[in-house]
Structure formats: structure tokens, C-alpha cells
Amino acid sequence: MRHMLSLSVMIMVSGCAAGPLNETGTFLPPRHYQAMETAKLCCASYGDIHYAQLQRGTETKAVISPDSPVFEFDGRRSFFAAFELPAGSNRIFMVTTVPVNMLWNRAGHVMVPAVQFLDDSYKQIEFVQPRYEPDSRFPRGSWAEAQVRVPNAARYAILLEGRNVDGIAWRDRDQPSGSLFVRSGPTGNVSVLLLGG
């Protein structure tokens, strides 16, 4: 019951916000995929992308919505959020994602981001599909978090829709299966935190 209570609180908090990620009774990803496919690409190359500067030890939040820029990553379109990383070694990139559109609604979804690292010449270094660990706690609600080791040469990190990911399951004793599965989508509320180095 405690896990369900936490998820319910998070659902109420995230569900109260108006906007493109909240519409009770509607599974929004098909609409968001359609917007992504018809959107004009934001940039011709990785070098043209706008990167928000990250400060080590400071959490940065991003809403990846149908209004976000679209880029073609290796032949596959995605909404994204992009960050410039301070130089260093032994860096850890923490990514957190939360379910959206879940106010009295089984049609919510969660973005399960992958991370594309680039060097200072905007060349691809590594593509990572991290494993997210779900958690729920009152009063924060529900979230899933992943820790990704940053390659030493990485200067930029891009969060984009993960590949071959169906969603995330949160523990929920009130469900017959013992968990509540939230399907993935191309949009969502995410945050990043850079540690180390």
C-alpha cells in the first residue's frame, strides 16, 4: 500500500500540470510520435545542436515534449535534451526519469532515455542504453534512476529515446502482479546530475 500511495502522490503532482504531457484518459505517445515524424529537423549536424551547460553536482531538469527539437540519430528521429559537460575524469552521469500523464489514468507513460556521448569535435564516442532502477517514496513519488560512467573524452551528452525498451515496472503490492508497468514513450520529464572528476 505504501508504494501505491507514493505512486499515487506522484501521479497527482505530475497530473496536475497542464500541457502536452498531460491528458487524462489518453495514451499520448502515438500522438507524440506523429508530431516527431512531421517536425522539421532542428539541426544538420551534432555541432548545430544547442547544448545546455551542466555544473558538476547540480541537478538539471528538462521536459522533453512534442515542442522539443527533433534530430535524426543514426537514421532514427528523436526528441532530445543536450548537455555540455565540464571536462574531467571519473565522471558519473546520473539520469532520472518520472512517469507522466498518470492522474486517475492507466494511460500514462515514461521516457526511458538512452545517452549519446560526443567528444569536443562533436564525434560520437559511445551510445549507452542504461538500466534504470525504479523507486517510490513519499512525498517524492515515483522515479527511475540510472548511473552512467562518462567516457574520459566526452564533452557532450544527449538524452534521446531509448531503443528496444518497452517501459519500466514499479513495485506495487496493490496490483495482482505485484508491480505497475508504465509503457515507454518519446517524451517525458527527466533530470541529470554530473558527479566526480
N, C-alpha and C. Protein backbone atom coordinates (compact mmCIF):
# COMPACT_ATOMS: atom_id res chain seq x y z
N MET A 1 0.82 -1.20 0.00
CA MET A 1 0.00 0.00 0.00
C MET A 1 0.87 1.26 0.00
N ARG A 2 1.99 1.19 0.72
CA ARG A 2 2.87 2.36 0.80
C ARG A 2 3.40 2.74 -0.58
N HIS A 3 3.81 1.72 -1.39
CA HIS A 3 4.33 2.01 -2.73
C HIS A 3 3.24 2.60 -3.61
N MET A 4 2.04 2.08 -3.49
CA MET A 4 0.94 2.60 -4.28
C MET A 4 0.60 4.02 -3.86
N LEU A 5 0.67 4.29 -2.54
CA LEU A 5 0.43 5.63 -2.04
C LEU A 5 1.45 6.60 -2.62
N SER A 6 2.72 6.19 -2.64
CA SER A 6 3.77 7.04 -3.20
C SER A 6 3.53 7.30 -4.68
N LEU A 7 3.19 6.24 -5.41
CA LEU A 7 2.92 6.40 -6.84
C LEU A 7 1.71 7.29 -7.03
N SER A 8 0.70 7.15 -6.17
CA SER A 8 -0.49 7.98 -6.29
C SER A 8 -0.18 9.44 -6.05
N VAL A 9 0.66 9.74 -5.06
CA VAL A 9 1.03 11.12 -4.80
C VAL A 9 1.78 11.68 -5.99
N MET A 10 2.75 10.91 -6.53
CA MET A 10 3.50 11.37 -7.69
C MET A 10 2.57 11.59 -8.87
N ILE A 11 1.62 10.68 -9.04
CA ILE A 11 0.67 10.80 -10.14
C ILE A 11 -0.13 12.09 -9.99
N MET A 12 -0.59 12.37 -8.77
CA MET A 12 -1.37 13.59 -8.58
C MET A 12 -0.54 14.83 -8.85
N VAL A 13 0.69 14.84 -8.37
CA VAL A 13 1.54 16.01 -8.57
C VAL A 13 1.83 16.20 -10.05
N SER A 14 2.26 15.13 -10.75
CA SER A 14 2.58 15.28 -12.16
C SER A 14 1.33 15.48 -12.99
N GLY A 15 0.21 14.92 -12.54
CA GLY A 15 -1.02 15.04 -13.31
C GLY A 15 -1.69 16.40 -13.21
N CYS A 16 -1.33 17.18 -12.19
CA CYS A 16 -1.96 18.49 -12.02
C CYS A 16 -1.45 19.51 -13.02
N ALA A 17 -0.28 19.28 -13.56
CA ALA A 17 0.29 20.24 -14.50
C ALA A 17 -0.41 20.11 -15.85
N ALA A 18 -0.73 21.24 -16.44
CA ALA A 18 -1.32 21.24 -17.77
C ALA A 18 -0.20 21.23 -18.79
N GLY A 19 -0.52 20.83 -20.01
CA GLY A 19 0.50 20.88 -21.05
C GLY A 19 0.49 19.64 -21.91
N PRO A 20 1.48 19.54 -22.78
CA PRO A 20 1.48 18.47 -23.77
C PRO A 20 1.76 17.08 -23.22
N LEU A 21 2.13 16.97 -21.94
CA LEU A 21 2.40 15.66 -21.37
C LEU A 21 1.27 15.17 -20.47
N ASN A 22 0.16 15.90 -20.42
CA ASN A 22 -0.94 15.53 -19.53
C ASN A 22 -2.29 15.65 -20.24
N GLU A 23 -2.94 14.52 -20.41
CA GLU A 23 -4.30 14.49 -20.94
C GLU A 23 -4.94 13.20 -20.44
N THR A 24 -5.71 13.32 -19.38
CA THR A 24 -6.28 12.15 -18.72
C THR A 24 -7.06 11.29 -19.71
N GLY A 25 -6.83 9.99 -19.61
CA GLY A 25 -7.56 9.02 -20.42
C GLY A 25 -6.97 8.78 -21.79
N THR A 26 -5.83 9.41 -22.11
CA THR A 26 -5.25 9.27 -23.43
C THR A 26 -3.81 8.79 -23.32
N PHE A 27 -3.47 7.74 -24.05
CA PHE A 27 -2.08 7.29 -24.15
C PHE A 27 -1.43 8.17 -25.22
N LEU A 28 -0.60 9.11 -24.79
CA LEU A 28 -0.10 10.18 -25.65
C LEU A 28 1.02 9.80 -26.63
N PRO A 29 1.85 8.77 -26.38
CA PRO A 29 2.95 8.50 -27.31
C PRO A 29 2.58 8.40 -28.79
N PRO A 30 1.47 7.77 -29.22
CA PRO A 30 1.19 7.77 -30.67
C PRO A 30 1.07 9.18 -31.25
N ARG A 31 0.44 10.08 -30.50
CA ARG A 31 0.31 11.47 -30.94
C ARG A 31 1.69 12.14 -30.98
N HIS A 32 2.53 11.84 -29.99
CA HIS A 32 3.85 12.45 -29.93
C HIS A 32 4.76 11.91 -31.04
N TYR A 33 4.64 10.61 -31.36
CA TYR A 33 5.41 10.05 -32.48
C TYR A 33 5.01 10.72 -33.79
N GLN A 34 3.73 10.96 -33.96
CA GLN A 34 3.25 11.63 -35.18
C GLN A 34 3.83 13.04 -35.27
N ALA A 35 3.84 13.77 -34.15
CA ALA A 35 4.42 15.12 -34.14
C ALA A 35 5.91 15.07 -34.46
N MET A 36 6.59 14.05 -33.95
CA MET A 36 8.03 13.91 -34.19
C MET A 36 8.31 13.63 -35.67
N GLU A 37 7.50 12.78 -36.28
CA GLU A 37 7.72 12.43 -37.69
C GLU A 37 7.44 13.59 -38.63
N THR A 38 6.55 14.49 -38.26
CA THR A 38 6.21 15.61 -39.15
C THR A 38 7.02 16.87 -38.83
N ALA A 39 7.75 16.86 -37.70
CA ALA A 39 8.52 18.04 -37.31
C ALA A 39 9.73 18.22 -38.22
N LYS A 40 10.10 19.47 -38.41
CA LYS A 40 11.32 19.79 -39.15
C LYS A 40 12.51 19.48 -38.24
N LEU A 41 13.56 18.89 -38.82
CA LEU A 41 14.75 18.61 -38.03
C LEU A 41 15.38 19.93 -37.57
N CYS A 42 15.83 19.94 -36.33
CA CYS A 42 16.38 21.18 -35.76
C CYS A 42 17.74 21.52 -36.32
N CYS A 43 18.49 20.50 -36.69
CA CYS A 43 19.91 20.71 -36.96
C CYS A 43 20.41 19.75 -38.03
N ALA A 44 21.43 20.19 -38.76
CA ALA A 44 22.02 19.35 -39.80
C ALA A 44 23.10 18.44 -39.24
N SER A 45 23.70 18.82 -38.10
CA SER A 45 24.79 18.02 -37.53
C SER A 45 24.79 18.18 -36.02
N TYR A 46 25.57 17.32 -35.34
CA TYR A 46 25.70 17.42 -33.89
C TYR A 46 26.25 18.78 -33.47
N GLY A 47 27.09 19.37 -34.30
CA GLY A 47 27.67 20.67 -33.99
C GLY A 47 26.67 21.81 -33.99
N ASP A 48 25.53 21.62 -34.65
CA ASP A 48 24.50 22.66 -34.71
C ASP A 48 23.53 22.63 -33.53
N ILE A 49 23.59 21.58 -32.74
CA ILE A 49 22.68 21.42 -31.60
C ILE A 49 23.05 22.41 -30.50
N HIS A 50 22.03 22.94 -29.80
CA HIS A 50 22.26 23.79 -28.63
C HIS A 50 22.44 22.89 -27.41
N TYR A 51 23.54 23.05 -26.70
CA TYR A 51 23.84 22.24 -25.52
C TYR A 51 23.75 23.12 -24.26
N ALA A 52 22.93 22.71 -23.30
CA ALA A 52 22.84 23.42 -22.03
C ALA A 52 24.06 23.04 -21.19
N GLN A 53 24.67 24.03 -20.55
CA GLN A 53 25.86 23.76 -19.73
C GLN A 53 25.48 23.15 -18.41
N LEU A 54 26.14 22.04 -18.08
CA LEU A 54 25.92 21.39 -16.78
C LEU A 54 26.99 21.86 -15.80
N GLN A 55 26.57 22.04 -14.57
CA GLN A 55 27.51 22.33 -13.48
C GLN A 55 27.63 21.06 -12.65
N ARG A 56 28.84 20.68 -12.35
CA ARG A 56 29.09 19.48 -11.56
C ARG A 56 28.35 19.58 -10.22
N GLY A 57 27.60 18.53 -9.86
CA GLY A 57 26.92 18.48 -8.58
C GLY A 57 25.58 19.21 -8.52
N THR A 58 25.12 19.77 -9.64
CA THR A 58 23.84 20.48 -9.67
C THR A 58 22.86 19.75 -10.58
N GLU A 59 21.71 19.37 -10.03
CA GLU A 59 20.70 18.67 -10.84
C GLU A 59 20.08 19.64 -11.84
N THR A 60 19.94 19.19 -13.08
CA THR A 60 19.32 19.98 -14.14
C THR A 60 18.11 19.21 -14.66
N LYS A 61 16.95 19.85 -14.66
CA LYS A 61 15.71 19.20 -15.12
C LYS A 61 15.40 19.62 -16.55
N ALA A 62 14.76 18.71 -17.28
CA ALA A 62 14.35 19.01 -18.66
C ALA A 62 13.01 18.34 -18.93
N VAL A 63 12.16 19.06 -19.64
CA VAL A 63 10.90 18.48 -20.12
C VAL A 63 11.11 18.22 -21.61
N ILE A 64 11.07 16.96 -21.97
CA ILE A 64 11.20 16.58 -23.39
C ILE A 64 9.78 16.35 -23.87
N SER A 65 9.30 17.27 -24.71
CA SER A 65 7.89 17.29 -25.12
C SER A 65 7.78 17.33 -26.64
N PRO A 66 6.55 17.31 -27.18
CA PRO A 66 6.39 17.45 -28.63
C PRO A 66 6.87 18.79 -29.16
N ASP A 67 7.12 19.74 -28.26
CA ASP A 67 7.67 21.04 -28.67
C ASP A 67 9.19 21.05 -28.64
N SER A 68 9.81 19.97 -28.19
CA SER A 68 11.27 19.89 -28.13
C SER A 68 11.84 19.72 -29.54
N PRO A 69 13.13 20.05 -29.70
CA PRO A 69 13.74 19.85 -31.01
C PRO A 69 13.81 18.38 -31.39
N VAL A 70 13.86 18.13 -32.70
CA VAL A 70 13.97 16.77 -33.24
C VAL A 70 15.26 16.68 -34.04
N PHE A 71 15.98 15.59 -33.86
CA PHE A 71 17.21 15.35 -34.60
C PHE A 71 17.18 13.91 -35.09
N GLU A 72 17.90 13.64 -36.16
CA GLU A 72 17.97 12.27 -36.68
C GLU A 72 19.27 11.64 -36.20
N PHE A 73 19.13 10.70 -35.29
CA PHE A 73 20.27 9.99 -34.70
C PHE A 73 20.46 8.67 -35.42
N ASP A 74 21.48 8.60 -36.23
CA ASP A 74 21.78 7.36 -36.98
C ASP A 74 20.55 6.83 -37.69
N GLY A 75 19.85 7.72 -38.41
CA GLY A 75 18.70 7.32 -39.21
C GLY A 75 17.41 7.20 -38.43
N ARG A 76 17.40 7.56 -37.17
CA ARG A 76 16.21 7.43 -36.33
C ARG A 76 15.91 8.76 -35.64
N ARG A 77 14.74 9.31 -35.90
CA ARG A 77 14.35 10.58 -35.29
C ARG A 77 14.06 10.42 -33.81
N SER A 78 14.35 11.51 -33.05
CA SER A 78 14.01 11.52 -31.63
C SER A 78 13.96 12.95 -31.13
N PHE A 79 13.03 13.19 -30.18
CA PHE A 79 13.11 14.40 -29.37
C PHE A 79 14.33 14.20 -28.47
N PHE A 80 14.91 15.28 -27.96
CA PHE A 80 16.11 15.11 -27.15
C PHE A 80 16.34 16.30 -26.24
N ALA A 81 17.27 16.12 -25.31
CA ALA A 81 17.83 17.20 -24.49
C ALA A 81 19.33 17.02 -24.54
N ALA A 82 20.08 18.11 -24.72
CA ALA A 82 21.53 18.02 -24.92
C ALA A 82 22.27 18.87 -23.89
N PHE A 83 23.42 18.36 -23.44
CA PHE A 83 24.16 19.00 -22.36
C PHE A 83 25.65 19.05 -22.67
N GLU A 84 26.27 20.16 -22.28
CA GLU A 84 27.72 20.29 -22.34
C GLU A 84 28.28 19.92 -20.97
N LEU A 85 29.27 19.04 -20.97
CA LEU A 85 29.82 18.53 -19.72
C LEU A 85 31.13 19.23 -19.37
N PRO A 86 31.35 19.55 -18.11
CA PRO A 86 32.66 20.06 -17.71
C PRO A 86 33.70 18.97 -17.94
N ALA A 87 34.91 19.35 -18.30
CA ALA A 87 35.98 18.38 -18.52
C ALA A 87 36.31 17.67 -17.22
N GLY A 88 36.88 16.47 -17.33
CA GLY A 88 37.28 15.74 -16.13
C GLY A 88 37.38 14.26 -16.40
N SER A 89 37.73 13.52 -15.37
CA SER A 89 37.79 12.07 -15.47
C SER A 89 37.00 11.49 -14.30
N ASN A 90 36.74 10.19 -14.37
CA ASN A 90 35.96 9.51 -13.33
C ASN A 90 34.62 10.19 -13.08
N ARG A 91 33.96 10.61 -14.16
CA ARG A 91 32.67 11.28 -14.04
C ARG A 91 31.53 10.26 -14.13
N ILE A 92 30.49 10.54 -13.37
CA ILE A 92 29.27 9.72 -13.40
C ILE A 92 28.12 10.64 -13.80
N PHE A 93 27.34 10.20 -14.78
CA PHE A 93 26.20 10.94 -15.28
C PHE A 93 24.96 10.23 -14.75
N MET A 94 24.22 10.88 -13.86
CA MET A 94 23.02 10.28 -13.29
C MET A 94 21.80 10.81 -14.04
N VAL A 95 20.98 9.90 -14.52
CA VAL A 95 19.77 10.25 -15.28
C VAL A 95 18.56 9.76 -14.49
N THR A 96 17.59 10.65 -14.29
CA THR A 96 16.36 10.30 -13.59
C THR A 96 15.18 10.59 -14.50
N THR A 97 14.21 9.68 -14.52
CA THR A 97 13.00 9.87 -15.31
C THR A 97 11.79 9.56 -14.44
N VAL A 98 10.67 10.24 -14.69
CA VAL A 98 9.45 10.02 -13.91
C VAL A 98 8.27 9.77 -14.86
N PRO A 99 7.28 8.98 -14.43
CA PRO A 99 6.10 8.78 -15.26
C PRO A 99 5.31 10.08 -15.40
N VAL A 100 4.64 10.25 -16.53
CA VAL A 100 3.81 11.43 -16.78
C VAL A 100 2.41 11.00 -17.20
N ASN A 101 1.46 11.94 -17.10
CA ASN A 101 0.08 11.74 -17.53
C ASN A 101 -0.60 10.59 -16.80
N MET A 102 -0.43 10.53 -15.47
CA MET A 102 -0.97 9.39 -14.74
C MET A 102 -2.03 9.76 -13.72
N LEU A 103 -2.59 10.96 -13.76
CA LEU A 103 -3.63 11.35 -12.83
C LEU A 103 -4.91 10.57 -13.15
N TRP A 104 -5.32 9.68 -12.26
CA TRP A 104 -6.50 8.82 -12.46
C TRP A 104 -6.48 8.20 -13.85
N ASN A 105 -5.34 7.70 -14.24
CA ASN A 105 -5.15 7.35 -15.65
C ASN A 105 -4.19 6.18 -15.78
N ARG A 106 -4.61 5.11 -16.39
CA ARG A 106 -3.71 3.98 -16.67
C ARG A 106 -3.01 4.18 -18.01
N ALA A 107 -3.21 5.33 -18.64
CA ALA A 107 -2.65 5.57 -19.97
C ALA A 107 -1.40 6.43 -19.93
N GLY A 108 -0.77 6.54 -18.76
CA GLY A 108 0.45 7.32 -18.67
C GLY A 108 1.61 6.63 -19.35
N HIS A 109 2.74 7.34 -19.40
CA HIS A 109 3.94 6.76 -20.00
C HIS A 109 5.17 7.33 -19.32
N VAL A 110 6.32 6.75 -19.65
CA VAL A 110 7.59 7.20 -19.09
C VAL A 110 8.63 7.18 -20.21
N MET A 111 9.47 8.20 -20.28
CA MET A 111 10.58 8.19 -21.22
C MET A 111 11.70 7.37 -20.57
N VAL A 112 12.29 6.48 -21.36
CA VAL A 112 13.40 5.65 -20.88
C VAL A 112 14.62 6.05 -21.72
N PRO A 113 15.31 7.13 -21.32
CA PRO A 113 16.32 7.71 -22.20
C PRO A 113 17.58 6.87 -22.37
N ALA A 114 18.12 6.93 -23.58
CA ALA A 114 19.47 6.47 -23.86
C ALA A 114 20.36 7.70 -23.81
N VAL A 115 21.68 7.48 -23.74
CA VAL A 115 22.63 8.60 -23.69
C VAL A 115 23.63 8.44 -24.83
N GLN A 116 23.77 9.48 -25.63
CA GLN A 116 24.78 9.53 -26.69
C GLN A 116 25.87 10.50 -26.23
N PHE A 117 27.11 10.01 -26.10
CA PHE A 117 28.24 10.86 -25.72
C PHE A 117 29.01 11.27 -26.97
N LEU A 118 29.44 12.54 -26.98
CA LEU A 118 30.22 13.10 -28.08
C LEU A 118 31.50 13.70 -27.52
N ASP A 119 32.56 13.76 -28.36
CA ASP A 119 33.79 14.41 -27.92
C ASP A 119 33.74 15.90 -28.24
N ASP A 120 34.83 16.63 -28.03
CA ASP A 120 34.81 18.08 -28.23
C ASP A 120 34.74 18.49 -29.70
N SER A 121 34.87 17.51 -30.60
CA SER A 121 34.69 17.76 -32.04
C SER A 121 33.31 17.29 -32.51
N TYR A 122 32.44 16.97 -31.58
CA TYR A 122 31.07 16.50 -31.84
C TYR A 122 31.05 15.13 -32.55
N LYS A 123 32.08 14.35 -32.33
CA LYS A 123 32.11 12.98 -32.88
C LYS A 123 31.54 12.03 -31.84
N GLN A 124 30.78 11.05 -32.32
CA GLN A 124 30.17 10.08 -31.42
C GLN A 124 31.25 9.21 -30.77
N ILE A 125 31.15 9.09 -29.45
CA ILE A 125 32.09 8.24 -28.70
C ILE A 125 31.41 6.94 -28.30
N GLU A 126 30.24 7.09 -27.66
CA GLU A 126 29.57 5.91 -27.11
C GLU A 126 28.07 6.16 -26.99
N PHE A 127 27.29 5.14 -27.32
CA PHE A 127 25.85 5.16 -27.14
C PHE A 127 25.54 4.18 -26.01
N VAL A 128 24.82 4.65 -24.98
CA VAL A 128 24.55 3.82 -23.81
C VAL A 128 23.05 3.75 -23.57
N GLN A 129 22.52 2.53 -23.45
CA GLN A 129 21.14 2.33 -23.01
C GLN A 129 21.23 1.84 -21.56
N PRO A 130 21.13 2.77 -20.60
CA PRO A 130 21.34 2.37 -19.20
C PRO A 130 20.19 1.53 -18.66
N ARG A 131 20.48 0.84 -17.59
CA ARG A 131 19.46 0.08 -16.87
C ARG A 131 18.92 0.97 -15.76
N TYR A 132 17.64 1.23 -15.79
CA TYR A 132 17.00 2.12 -14.82
C TYR A 132 16.48 1.32 -13.63
N GLU A 133 16.74 1.84 -12.44
CA GLU A 133 16.26 1.24 -11.20
C GLU A 133 15.07 2.06 -10.70
N PRO A 134 13.86 1.47 -10.69
CA PRO A 134 12.68 2.21 -10.22
C PRO A 134 12.64 2.30 -8.70
N ASP A 135 12.05 3.37 -8.21
CA ASP A 135 11.89 3.56 -6.78
C ASP A 135 10.66 4.42 -6.54
N SER A 136 10.11 4.36 -5.35
CA SER A 136 8.97 5.19 -4.94
C SER A 136 9.14 5.51 -3.47
N ARG A 137 8.87 6.76 -3.13
CA ARG A 137 8.98 7.16 -1.73
C ARG A 137 8.13 8.40 -1.49
N PHE A 138 7.41 8.39 -0.40
CA PHE A 138 6.62 9.55 -0.02
C PHE A 138 7.55 10.60 0.57
N PRO A 139 7.44 11.87 0.27
CA PRO A 139 6.45 12.50 -0.60
C PRO A 139 6.94 12.70 -2.04
N ARG A 140 8.13 12.21 -2.34
CA ARG A 140 8.71 12.46 -3.67
C ARG A 140 7.90 11.82 -4.79
N GLY A 141 7.37 10.64 -4.55
CA GLY A 141 6.62 9.94 -5.60
C GLY A 141 7.45 8.83 -6.20
N SER A 142 7.28 8.60 -7.50
CA SER A 142 7.96 7.51 -8.20
C SER A 142 8.92 8.07 -9.23
N TRP A 143 10.04 7.38 -9.38
CA TRP A 143 11.05 7.76 -10.35
C TRP A 143 11.87 6.53 -10.68
N ALA A 144 12.68 6.64 -11.72
CA ALA A 144 13.65 5.60 -12.07
C ALA A 144 14.96 6.30 -12.36
N GLU A 145 16.05 5.68 -11.92
CA GLU A 145 17.36 6.35 -12.00
C GLU A 145 18.39 5.39 -12.57
N ALA A 146 19.33 5.96 -13.33
CA ALA A 146 20.44 5.18 -13.87
C ALA A 146 21.73 5.97 -13.69
N GLN A 147 22.82 5.24 -13.44
CA GLN A 147 24.14 5.85 -13.36
C GLN A 147 24.95 5.39 -14.56
N VAL A 148 25.53 6.35 -15.26
CA VAL A 148 26.30 6.04 -16.47
C VAL A 148 27.70 6.60 -16.32
N ARG A 149 28.70 5.75 -16.52
CA ARG A 149 30.10 6.22 -16.48
C ARG A 149 30.36 7.02 -17.74
N VAL A 150 30.91 8.22 -17.57
CA VAL A 150 31.17 9.11 -18.70
C VAL A 150 32.55 8.80 -19.28
N PRO A 151 32.63 8.55 -20.58
CA PRO A 151 33.96 8.35 -21.18
C PRO A 151 34.84 9.58 -20.95
N ASN A 152 36.13 9.37 -20.71
CA ASN A 152 37.03 10.49 -20.40
C ASN A 152 37.03 11.56 -21.47
N ALA A 153 36.88 11.18 -22.74
CA ALA A 153 36.94 12.15 -23.84
C ALA A 153 35.60 12.86 -24.08
N ALA A 154 34.55 12.48 -23.35
CA ALA A 154 33.22 13.05 -23.61
C ALA A 154 33.14 14.51 -23.19
N ARG A 155 32.62 15.33 -24.09
CA ARG A 155 32.39 16.75 -23.80
C ARG A 155 30.90 17.08 -23.82
N TYR A 156 30.11 16.23 -24.51
CA TYR A 156 28.67 16.47 -24.65
C TYR A 156 27.92 15.17 -24.39
N ALA A 157 26.69 15.32 -23.86
CA ALA A 157 25.80 14.17 -23.63
C ALA A 157 24.41 14.55 -24.13
N ILE A 158 23.79 13.63 -24.85
CA ILE A 158 22.44 13.85 -25.38
C ILE A 158 21.53 12.75 -24.85
N LEU A 159 20.40 13.15 -24.26
CA LEU A 159 19.36 12.19 -23.87
C LEU A 159 18.38 12.09 -25.02
N LEU A 160 18.12 10.88 -25.48
CA LEU A 160 17.17 10.63 -26.55
C LEU A 160 16.37 9.38 -26.22
N GLU A 161 15.34 9.13 -26.99
CA GLU A 161 14.50 7.96 -26.73
C GLU A 161 15.33 6.69 -26.81
N GLY A 162 15.18 5.84 -25.80
CA GLY A 162 15.91 4.57 -25.78
C GLY A 162 15.43 3.63 -26.87
N ARG A 163 16.27 2.66 -27.16
CA ARG A 163 15.97 1.67 -28.20
C ARG A 163 15.53 0.35 -27.57
N ASN A 164 14.52 -0.27 -28.16
CA ASN A 164 14.05 -1.59 -27.73
C ASN A 164 13.72 -1.64 -26.24
N VAL A 165 13.06 -0.59 -25.75
CA VAL A 165 12.66 -0.52 -24.34
C VAL A 165 11.14 -0.37 -24.29
N ASP A 166 10.47 -1.30 -23.58
CA ASP A 166 9.00 -1.27 -23.52
C ASP A 166 8.45 -0.37 -22.43
N GLY A 167 9.23 -0.17 -21.37
CA GLY A 167 8.76 0.63 -20.25
C GLY A 167 9.50 0.26 -18.98
N ILE A 168 8.93 0.66 -17.85
CA ILE A 168 9.53 0.40 -16.55
C ILE A 168 8.44 -0.10 -15.60
N ALA A 169 8.77 -1.10 -14.78
CA ALA A 169 7.83 -1.64 -13.79
C ALA A 169 8.21 -1.16 -12.40
N TRP A 170 7.24 -0.57 -11.70
CA TRP A 170 7.43 -0.16 -10.31
C TRP A 170 6.76 -1.19 -9.41
N ARG A 171 7.37 -1.49 -8.25
CA ARG A 171 6.73 -2.38 -7.28
C ARG A 171 5.42 -1.77 -6.82
N ASP A 172 4.39 -2.60 -6.74
CA ASP A 172 3.09 -2.12 -6.30
C ASP A 172 2.32 -3.31 -5.74
N ARG A 173 2.26 -3.41 -4.43
CA ARG A 173 1.59 -4.55 -3.80
C ARG A 173 0.09 -4.59 -4.07
N ASP A 174 -0.49 -3.47 -4.50
CA ASP A 174 -1.92 -3.45 -4.77
C ASP A 174 -2.27 -4.03 -6.15
N GLN A 175 -1.28 -4.31 -6.96
CA GLN A 175 -1.51 -4.90 -8.27
C GLN A 175 -1.41 -6.43 -8.15
N PRO A 176 -2.24 -7.18 -8.87
CA PRO A 176 -2.17 -8.65 -8.80
C PRO A 176 -0.78 -9.19 -9.13
N SER A 177 -0.07 -8.52 -10.03
CA SER A 177 1.26 -8.98 -10.43
C SER A 177 2.35 -8.53 -9.45
N GLY A 178 2.00 -7.62 -8.53
CA GLY A 178 2.98 -7.08 -7.61
C GLY A 178 3.75 -5.89 -8.15
N SER A 179 3.39 -5.49 -9.39
CA SER A 179 4.07 -4.33 -9.97
C SER A 179 3.13 -3.58 -10.90
N LEU A 180 3.46 -2.32 -11.14
CA LEU A 180 2.71 -1.49 -12.07
C LEU A 180 3.64 -1.16 -13.23
N PHE A 181 3.32 -1.64 -14.42
CA PHE A 181 4.15 -1.42 -15.59
C PHE A 181 3.69 -0.16 -16.31
N VAL A 182 4.61 0.76 -16.55
CA VAL A 182 4.32 2.01 -17.26
C VAL A 182 5.04 1.94 -18.60
N ARG A 183 4.26 2.05 -19.68
CA ARG A 183 4.84 1.93 -21.02
C ARG A 183 5.72 3.13 -21.38
N SER A 184 6.68 2.88 -22.24
CA SER A 184 7.61 3.94 -22.63
C SER A 184 7.01 4.82 -23.73
N GLY A 185 7.60 6.00 -23.87
CA GLY A 185 7.20 6.94 -24.90
C GLY A 185 8.36 7.85 -25.25
N PRO A 186 8.21 8.68 -26.29
CA PRO A 186 9.30 9.53 -26.77
C PRO A 186 9.46 10.84 -26.00
N THR A 187 8.60 11.07 -25.01
CA THR A 187 8.60 12.32 -24.28
C THR A 187 8.56 12.04 -22.78
N GLY A 188 8.90 13.06 -21.98
CA GLY A 188 8.81 12.87 -20.54
C GLY A 188 9.57 13.92 -19.77
N ASN A 189 9.52 13.77 -18.45
CA ASN A 189 10.25 14.64 -17.54
C ASN A 189 11.50 13.91 -17.07
N VAL A 190 12.65 14.53 -17.30
CA VAL A 190 13.92 13.90 -16.94
C VAL A 190 14.78 14.90 -16.19
N SER A 191 15.77 14.39 -15.50
CA SER A 191 16.77 15.27 -14.89
C SER A 191 18.12 14.57 -14.97
N VAL A 192 19.18 15.38 -14.93
CA VAL A 192 20.53 14.84 -14.99
C VAL A 192 21.38 15.49 -13.90
N LEU A 193 22.39 14.74 -13.46
CA LEU A 193 23.29 15.21 -12.43
C LEU A 193 24.67 14.65 -12.74
N LEU A 194 25.68 15.50 -12.82
CA LEU A 194 27.04 15.08 -13.11
C LEU A 194 27.84 15.07 -11.82
N LEU A 195 28.47 13.92 -11.53
CA LEU A 195 29.28 13.76 -10.30
C LEU A 195 30.71 13.39 -10.68
N GLY A 196 31.62 13.61 -9.76
CA GLY A 196 33.01 13.19 -9.93
C GLY A 196 33.82 14.13 -10.78
N GLY A 197 35.08 13.70 -11.04
CA GLY A 197 36.01 14.32 -11.94
C GLY A 197 36.42 15.70 -11.71
